Protein backbone atom coordinates (compact mmCIF):
# COMPACT_ATOMS: atom_id res chain seq x y z
CA UNK A 1 -2.30 -74.41 -94.82
CA UNK A 2 -4.46 -72.81 -97.39
CA UNK A 3 -6.91 -70.29 -95.74
CA UNK A 4 -10.00 -72.52 -97.86
CA UNK A 5 -8.94 -75.63 -94.81
CA UNK A 6 -8.75 -72.94 -91.84
CA UNK A 7 -12.02 -72.02 -92.86
CA UNK A 8 -13.52 -75.07 -92.90
CA UNK A 9 -12.03 -76.11 -89.78
CA UNK A 10 -13.09 -73.73 -87.86
CA UNK A 11 -16.40 -73.45 -89.71
CA UNK A 12 -17.00 -77.12 -88.37
CA UNK A 13 -15.99 -77.00 -85.37
CA UNK A 14 -18.23 -73.48 -84.76
CA UNK A 15 -21.13 -75.67 -85.57
CA UNK A 16 -20.26 -78.53 -83.68
CA UNK A 17 -19.92 -76.17 -80.23
CA UNK A 18 -22.85 -74.93 -80.63
CA UNK A 19 -25.08 -78.35 -81.53
CA UNK A 20 -23.53 -79.24 -78.27
CA UNK A 21 -24.21 -76.56 -76.12
CA UNK A 22 -27.83 -75.91 -77.19
CA UNK A 23 -28.24 -79.66 -76.86
CA UNK A 24 -26.80 -79.83 -73.18
CA UNK A 25 -28.63 -76.51 -72.42
CA UNK A 26 -32.55 -78.15 -74.27
CA UNK A 27 -31.90 -80.73 -71.47
CA UNK A 28 -31.40 -78.56 -68.89
CA UNK A 29 -27.87 -80.49 -68.12
CA UNK A 30 -25.45 -78.10 -65.88
CA UNK A 31 -21.26 -79.11 -66.11
CA UNK A 32 -18.90 -77.17 -65.83
CA UNK A 33 -16.59 -79.94 -67.39
CA UNK A 34 -19.31 -80.30 -70.67
CA UNK A 35 -19.22 -76.15 -71.01
CA UNK A 36 -15.17 -76.53 -70.16
CA UNK A 37 -14.85 -79.08 -74.07
CA UNK A 38 -17.15 -76.72 -75.56
CA UNK A 39 -14.92 -73.55 -74.73
CA UNK A 40 -11.61 -75.01 -76.02
CA UNK A 41 -12.75 -76.19 -79.00
CA UNK A 42 -14.13 -72.55 -79.13
CA UNK A 43 -11.29 -71.10 -78.64
CA UNK A 44 -9.53 -73.09 -81.22
CA UNK A 45 -12.28 -72.09 -83.96
CA UNK A 46 -11.50 -68.29 -83.20
CA UNK A 47 -7.85 -68.83 -83.76
CA UNK A 48 -8.55 -70.36 -87.36
CA UNK A 49 -10.93 -67.38 -87.99
CA UNK A 50 -8.93 -64.69 -86.62
CA UNK A 51 -5.95 -66.24 -89.03
CA UNK A 52 -8.00 -65.96 -92.08
CA UNK A 53 -9.03 -62.51 -91.12
CA UNK A 54 -5.69 -61.70 -90.65
CA UNK A 55 -4.68 -62.24 -94.19
CA UNK A 56 -8.03 -61.18 -95.81
CA UNK A 57 -8.78 -57.71 -94.00
CA UNK A 58 -5.05 -56.79 -93.91
CA UNK A 59 -2.85 -56.18 -96.46
CA UNK A 60 -0.74 -54.37 -98.59
CA UNK A 61 -3.05 -52.78 -100.21
CA UNK A 62 -4.44 -51.77 -96.33
CA UNK A 63 -7.30 -52.49 -94.70
CA UNK A 64 -10.15 -53.86 -96.26
CA UNK A 65 -12.84 -52.97 -94.71
CA UNK A 66 -15.93 -54.23 -96.87
CA UNK A 67 -19.46 -55.43 -95.43
CA UNK A 68 -18.70 -58.97 -95.34
CA UNK A 69 -15.53 -58.74 -94.15
CA UNK A 70 -16.48 -55.95 -91.43
CA UNK A 71 -19.06 -58.52 -90.17
CA UNK A 72 -16.78 -61.54 -90.15
CA UNK A 73 -14.70 -59.47 -87.88
CA UNK A 74 -17.39 -58.01 -85.75
CA UNK A 75 -18.03 -61.50 -84.93
CA UNK A 76 -15.09 -63.04 -84.41
CA UNK A 77 -14.77 -59.83 -81.48
CA UNK A 78 -17.91 -60.74 -80.64
CA UNK A 79 -17.80 -64.33 -79.72
CA UNK A 80 -14.10 -64.34 -78.70
CA UNK A 81 -15.21 -61.56 -75.71
CA UNK A 82 -18.49 -63.41 -74.89
CA UNK A 83 -16.23 -66.69 -74.59
CA UNK A 84 -14.07 -64.98 -72.44
CA UNK A 85 -16.96 -63.55 -70.57
CA UNK A 86 -18.57 -67.04 -69.91
CA UNK A 87 -15.12 -67.91 -67.60
CA UNK A 88 -16.41 -65.15 -65.18
CA UNK A 89 -20.49 -65.20 -65.47
CA UNK A 90 -23.08 -67.16 -67.09
CA UNK A 91 -23.25 -66.62 -70.69
CA UNK A 92 -23.13 -69.46 -71.99
CA UNK A 93 -26.24 -69.62 -73.72
CA UNK A 94 -25.37 -66.04 -75.95
CA UNK A 95 -22.44 -68.63 -77.67
CA UNK A 96 -24.70 -71.07 -79.11
CA UNK A 97 -26.04 -68.46 -81.38
CA UNK A 98 -22.88 -66.60 -81.44
CA UNK A 99 -20.89 -69.96 -83.38
CA UNK A 100 -23.27 -69.89 -85.57
CA UNK A 101 -23.05 -66.42 -86.64
CA UNK A 102 -19.46 -66.42 -86.87
CA UNK A 103 -19.44 -69.63 -88.98
CA UNK A 104 -22.03 -68.16 -91.30
CA UNK A 105 -20.46 -64.85 -91.35
CA UNK A 106 -16.52 -66.58 -92.15
CA UNK A 107 -18.18 -68.65 -94.81
CA UNK A 108 -19.57 -65.56 -96.24
CA UNK A 109 -17.17 -63.44 -96.51
CA UNK A 110 -14.81 -65.85 -97.99
CA UNK A 111 -17.42 -67.09 -100.81
CA UNK A 112 -19.27 -63.84 -101.75
CA UNK A 113 -16.50 -61.84 -102.75
CA UNK A 114 -17.43 -58.03 -102.99
CA UNK A 115 -15.04 -54.58 -104.09
CA UNK A 116 -12.34 -54.62 -101.44
CA UNK A 117 -12.52 -51.00 -99.65
CA UNK A 118 -8.81 -50.59 -98.47
CA UNK A 119 -7.97 -47.66 -96.21
CA UNK A 120 -4.50 -47.40 -97.25
CA UNK A 121 -2.33 -44.54 -94.78
CA UNK A 122 -5.11 -43.71 -92.62
CA UNK A 123 -4.22 -41.23 -89.51
CA UNK A 124 -3.86 -42.80 -86.32
CA UNK A 125 -7.11 -41.01 -84.65
CA UNK A 126 -9.10 -42.57 -88.04
CA UNK A 127 -7.56 -45.93 -86.92
CA UNK A 128 -9.08 -45.06 -83.25
CA UNK A 129 -12.57 -44.08 -84.59
CA UNK A 130 -12.08 -47.63 -86.44
CA UNK A 131 -11.53 -49.64 -84.03
CA UNK A 132 -13.38 -47.93 -81.29
CA UNK A 133 -16.61 -47.94 -83.56
CA UNK A 134 -16.14 -51.70 -83.80
CA UNK A 135 -15.99 -52.41 -80.49
CA UNK A 136 -19.07 -50.53 -79.48
CA UNK A 137 -20.74 -52.67 -82.34
CA UNK A 138 -19.62 -55.34 -80.53
CA UNK A 139 -20.88 -54.62 -77.31
CA UNK A 140 -24.26 -53.40 -78.12
CA UNK A 141 -25.11 -56.73 -80.11
CA UNK A 142 -24.24 -58.61 -77.27
CA UNK A 143 -26.67 -56.37 -75.08
CA UNK A 144 -29.17 -56.63 -77.77
CA UNK A 145 -29.00 -60.35 -77.49
CA UNK A 146 -29.10 -60.40 -74.04
CA UNK A 147 -32.11 -58.08 -73.86
CA UNK A 148 -34.01 -60.74 -76.40
CA UNK A 149 -32.60 -63.10 -74.03
CA UNK A 150 -34.14 -61.59 -71.26
CA UNK A 151 -37.41 -61.22 -72.97
CA UNK A 152 -37.76 -64.58 -73.84
CA UNK A 153 -36.79 -66.34 -70.65
CA UNK A 154 -39.34 -63.32 -68.59
CA UNK A 155 -42.46 -65.15 -71.43
CA UNK A 156 -41.22 -68.57 -70.65
CA UNK A 157 -41.89 -67.56 -66.57
CA UNK A 158 -45.24 -66.52 -66.44
CA UNK A 159 -46.53 -69.05 -68.31
CA UNK A 160 -44.97 -71.58 -65.98
CA UNK A 161 -42.45 -72.87 -68.33
CA UNK A 162 -39.35 -73.63 -66.74
CA UNK A 163 -37.59 -77.16 -67.90
CA UNK A 164 -35.12 -77.30 -70.41
CA UNK A 165 -33.00 -74.17 -71.87
CA UNK A 166 -34.83 -72.14 -69.10
CA UNK A 167 -32.77 -74.15 -66.69
CA UNK A 168 -29.45 -73.04 -67.60
CA UNK A 169 -30.45 -69.50 -67.16
CA UNK A 170 -29.42 -67.19 -64.32
CA UNK A 171 -32.71 -65.53 -62.23
CA UNK A 172 -33.95 -62.51 -64.43
CA UNK A 173 -32.44 -59.50 -61.72
CA UNK A 174 -29.05 -60.90 -62.91
CA UNK A 175 -29.32 -61.03 -66.45
CA UNK A 176 -31.22 -57.30 -66.28
CA UNK A 177 -28.12 -56.15 -64.50
CA UNK A 178 -25.69 -57.79 -66.49
CA UNK A 179 -27.72 -56.39 -69.90
CA UNK A 180 -27.01 -52.90 -68.37
CA UNK A 181 -23.16 -53.54 -67.14
CA UNK A 182 -22.91 -54.53 -70.94
CA UNK A 183 -24.72 -51.40 -72.12
CA UNK A 184 -22.34 -48.81 -70.28
CA UNK A 185 -19.63 -50.19 -71.93
CA UNK A 186 -20.97 -49.77 -74.97
CA UNK A 187 -22.58 -46.33 -74.53
CA UNK A 188 -18.47 -44.83 -73.08
CA UNK A 189 -17.25 -46.86 -76.22
CA UNK A 190 -19.06 -45.55 -78.68
CA UNK A 191 -19.39 -41.99 -76.98
CA UNK A 192 -14.92 -42.10 -77.20
CA UNK A 193 -16.02 -43.55 -80.89
CA UNK A 194 -18.11 -40.38 -81.76
CA UNK A 195 -15.24 -38.07 -80.52
CA UNK A 196 -12.63 -39.78 -81.89
CA UNK A 197 -14.15 -39.86 -85.32
CA UNK A 198 -14.96 -35.82 -84.83
CA UNK A 199 -11.93 -35.02 -83.95
CA UNK A 200 -9.86 -36.69 -86.62
CA UNK A 201 -12.19 -35.44 -89.69
CA UNK A 202 -10.83 -32.29 -91.71
CA UNK A 203 -14.78 -31.07 -91.84
CA UNK A 204 -16.79 -31.52 -88.83
CA UNK A 205 -19.88 -29.78 -89.86
CA UNK A 206 -19.95 -31.85 -93.07
CA UNK A 207 -19.30 -35.02 -91.29
CA UNK A 208 -22.31 -34.19 -88.54
CA UNK A 209 -24.81 -34.33 -91.50
CA UNK A 210 -24.11 -37.74 -92.90
CA UNK A 211 -26.25 -40.26 -92.53
CA UNK A 212 -23.85 -42.82 -90.82
CA UNK A 213 -23.44 -40.48 -88.46
CA UNK A 214 -27.00 -39.38 -87.85
CA UNK A 215 -27.78 -42.69 -87.09
CA UNK A 216 -24.92 -43.17 -84.88
CA UNK A 217 -26.00 -40.21 -82.99
CA UNK A 218 -29.25 -41.11 -82.61
CA UNK A 219 -28.11 -44.47 -81.21
CA UNK A 220 -26.14 -43.06 -78.50
CA UNK A 221 -28.99 -40.35 -77.60
CA UNK A 222 -31.49 -43.49 -77.34
CA UNK A 223 -28.89 -45.27 -75.27
CA UNK A 224 -28.39 -42.52 -72.97
CA UNK A 225 -32.03 -41.75 -72.14
CA UNK A 226 -32.48 -45.76 -71.57
CA UNK A 227 -29.50 -45.40 -68.70
CA UNK A 228 -30.89 -42.36 -67.65
CA UNK A 229 -34.37 -43.81 -67.65
CA UNK A 230 -32.62 -46.81 -65.47
CA UNK A 231 -31.10 -44.74 -63.00
CA UNK A 232 -33.88 -42.32 -62.38
CA UNK A 233 -36.66 -43.85 -62.88
CA UNK A 234 -35.66 -48.12 -62.64
CA UNK A 235 -36.42 -49.09 -65.89
CA UNK A 236 -36.81 -52.49 -66.61
CA UNK A 237 -38.01 -55.58 -68.22
CA UNK A 238 -40.03 -54.49 -71.47
CA UNK A 239 -39.18 -50.60 -71.99
CA UNK A 240 -35.18 -51.46 -71.36
CA UNK A 241 -35.58 -54.56 -73.74
CA UNK A 242 -37.48 -51.85 -76.12
CA UNK A 243 -35.16 -49.27 -75.83
CA UNK A 244 -31.99 -51.52 -76.06
CA UNK A 245 -33.58 -52.98 -79.63
CA UNK A 246 -34.20 -49.59 -80.78
CA UNK A 247 -30.80 -48.32 -80.54
CA UNK A 248 -29.34 -51.40 -81.68
CA UNK A 249 -31.09 -50.82 -84.71
CA UNK A 250 -29.97 -47.03 -85.61
CA UNK A 251 -26.82 -48.36 -84.53
CA UNK A 252 -26.44 -51.19 -87.52
CA UNK A 253 -28.13 -48.92 -89.84
CA UNK A 254 -25.16 -45.89 -89.43
CA UNK A 255 -23.26 -49.06 -90.77
CA UNK A 256 -24.09 -51.64 -92.32
CA UNK A 257 -27.37 -50.36 -94.21
CA UNK A 258 -26.00 -48.38 -96.51
CA UNK A 259 -22.71 -50.01 -96.74
CA UNK A 260 -25.17 -53.41 -97.65
CA UNK A 261 -27.40 -51.54 -100.14
CA UNK A 262 -24.09 -50.16 -101.98
CA UNK A 263 -22.18 -53.21 -101.96
CA UNK A 264 -24.07 -55.63 -102.34
CA UNK A 265 -27.79 -54.86 -103.53
CA UNK A 266 -26.17 -52.24 -106.34
CA UNK A 267 -23.16 -54.13 -107.23
């Protein structure tokens, strides 16, 4: 079976799952059986997506980390992580946009061909750094989406709108607890990624001055301050949301900003 057919099937399932879950959430339906149907279809879509990535990211030339491939890989892992989490905690609301974004990145990676950027013969340390960086980005993406969801939920509750989508969300306190659990996990991964990158580099001083590392360190500092503020000062609500989004923006600029300009705009 060709990669095009597999991609088409995966994207179709992504869209169907998103519309299905979104429709149920909008009408305030709470049914584990209905949710299970979308979860199973989601795993099938992710299997197809992963198969396509396996044959386009990895090859005899090495590992292709061009911006569209990385975006597709990131949202594949992000959707998979969230889908697994949905079996334990109520994060189905996050899957609604995630399915659509995962499908979009899969289509973009297949249709919008950019110049491959293979990484042949990389060391274990660099491989570990790349893996940890992608995992950290995935986890912080979940945190950013969770923060936006909390902001919307808080606004709807203040306006006394408790029907439809808001009815399917956990209480605000639960959502905030989940947000900071995710932030702690992301901060640990980001710390390990930075440490692995610096340890594996031949010229640490030069690496520290690159804009990618600068933005990553800024993100690390922002998240560190936020977690300290939560622990010592009890930060929550809008303060937590703003700091989360600022940190995520810095982290996003550390990778996607420069690569998008070089590979898409200047190509």
